[in-house]
Amino acid sequence: MKKIPKGKVTTYKELALVMGTHSRAIARILAANKDPENIPCYKVVRSDGSIGGYTFKGRLDVKRKIALLKRDGIEVKNGKIDLKKYLHRF
């Protein structure tokens, strides 16, 4: 995830393809991320561009995920991101 450039996101599916696993496994792994400040799991969204979940300090905090994405210059409209504009592929 550290390879995702500022201003870009990737998807659970994209990470799953790279890692040779299922996108739900990626979601479970990211939910257990104990260091979100250094491992930017907020940059991972659903394949349709919707935000998906975000666990921060043991609780779901989608508003924080949106704020972090906006801080990186990523536009979030109606809970979605334009993947044609912001998607990073590995």
Protein backbone atom coordinates (compact mmCIF):
# COMPACT_ATOMS: atom_id res chain seq x y z
CA MET A 1 0.00 0.00 0.00
CA LYS A 2 2.95 2.29 0.49
CA LYS A 3 3.49 2.06 -3.28
CA ILE A 4 0.14 3.73 -3.99
CA PRO A 5 1.07 7.30 -4.97
CA LYS A 6 -0.47 10.30 -3.26
CA GLY A 7 -3.67 11.23 -5.05
CA LYS A 8 -4.36 7.64 -6.12
CA VAL A 9 -6.29 4.67 -4.73
CA THR A 10 -6.45 1.00 -5.50
CA THR A 11 -9.19 -1.58 -5.01
CA TYR A 12 -9.53 -4.64 -2.82
CA LYS A 13 -9.78 -6.64 -6.06
CA GLU A 14 -6.58 -5.13 -7.48
CA LEU A 15 -4.68 -5.98 -4.29
CA ALA A 16 -6.17 -9.48 -4.28
CA LEU A 17 -4.94 -10.08 -7.84
CA VAL A 18 -1.43 -8.92 -6.92
CA MET A 19 -1.39 -11.02 -3.74
CA GLY A 20 -3.02 -14.10 -5.23
CA THR A 21 -5.96 -14.17 -2.85
CA HIS A 22 -9.61 -13.07 -2.59
CA SER A 23 -10.71 -9.47 -2.12
CA ARG A 24 -12.54 -10.38 1.10
CA ALA A 25 -9.28 -11.69 2.53
CA ILE A 26 -7.68 -8.33 1.70
CA ALA A 27 -10.52 -6.53 3.49
CA ARG A 28 -10.03 -8.67 6.62
CA ILE A 29 -6.28 -8.05 6.57
CA LEU A 30 -6.73 -4.30 6.21
CA ALA A 31 -9.31 -4.23 9.00
CA ALA A 32 -6.60 -5.62 11.29
CA ASN A 33 -4.06 -2.93 10.32
CA LYS A 34 -2.59 -1.68 13.58
CA ASP A 35 -0.57 1.12 11.99
CA PRO A 36 -2.84 3.08 9.61
CA GLU A 37 -0.62 6.16 9.86
CA ASN A 38 2.24 4.30 8.14
CA ILE A 39 0.28 1.67 6.21
CA PRO A 40 -2.29 3.73 4.28
CA CYS A 41 -5.15 1.26 4.07
CA TYR A 42 -7.57 4.17 3.56
CA LYS A 43 -6.34 4.23 -0.06
CA VAL A 44 -8.16 0.96 -0.80
CA VAL A 45 -11.74 1.15 -2.08
CA ARG A 46 -14.33 -1.14 -3.64
CA SER A 47 -14.18 -2.05 -7.34
CA ASP A 48 -17.18 0.15 -8.11
CA GLY A 49 -15.41 3.18 -6.60
CA SER A 50 -17.46 3.23 -3.41
CA ILE A 51 -15.58 3.93 -0.22
CA GLY A 52 -15.98 0.64 1.61
CA GLY A 53 -15.22 0.29 5.29
CA TYR A 54 -12.43 1.75 7.36
CA THR A 55 -11.48 0.64 10.84
CA PHE A 56 -9.47 3.10 12.88
CA LYS A 57 -8.47 2.35 16.46
CA GLY A 58 -10.88 -0.56 16.61
CA ARG A 59 -13.98 1.19 15.31
CA LEU A 60 -15.58 1.80 11.95
CA ASP A 61 -14.84 5.37 10.83
CA VAL A 62 -15.82 5.96 7.20
CA LYS A 63 -15.91 9.75 7.72
CA ARG A 64 -12.22 9.63 8.64
CA LYS A 65 -11.45 7.59 5.51
CA ILE A 66 -13.18 10.19 3.33
CA ALA A 67 -11.29 13.00 5.08
CA LEU A 68 -7.95 11.25 4.50
CA LEU A 69 -8.77 10.67 0.82
CA LYS A 70 -9.76 14.33 0.39
CA ARG A 71 -6.53 15.37 2.14
CA ASP A 72 -4.68 13.43 -0.58
CA GLY A 73 -6.55 15.37 -3.27
CA ILE A 74 -9.02 12.62 -4.14
CA GLU A 75 -12.55 13.77 -4.88
CA VAL A 76 -15.33 11.80 -3.21
CA LYS A 77 -18.77 12.39 -4.72
CA ASN A 78 -21.85 10.66 -3.35
CA GLY A 79 -19.65 8.20 -1.49
CA LYS A 80 -17.70 7.20 -4.61
CA ILE A 81 -14.37 7.85 -6.27
CA ASP A 82 -13.87 8.14 -10.03
CA LEU A 83 -11.60 5.17 -10.65
CA LYS A 84 -10.89 6.27 -14.21
CA LYS A 85 -9.18 9.28 -12.71
CA TYR A 86 -7.72 7.97 -9.45
CA LEU A 87 -7.04 4.22 -9.82
CA HIS A 88 -3.50 2.96 -9.30
CA ARG A 89 -2.69 -0.46 -10.76
CA PHE A 90 0.32 -2.47 -9.71
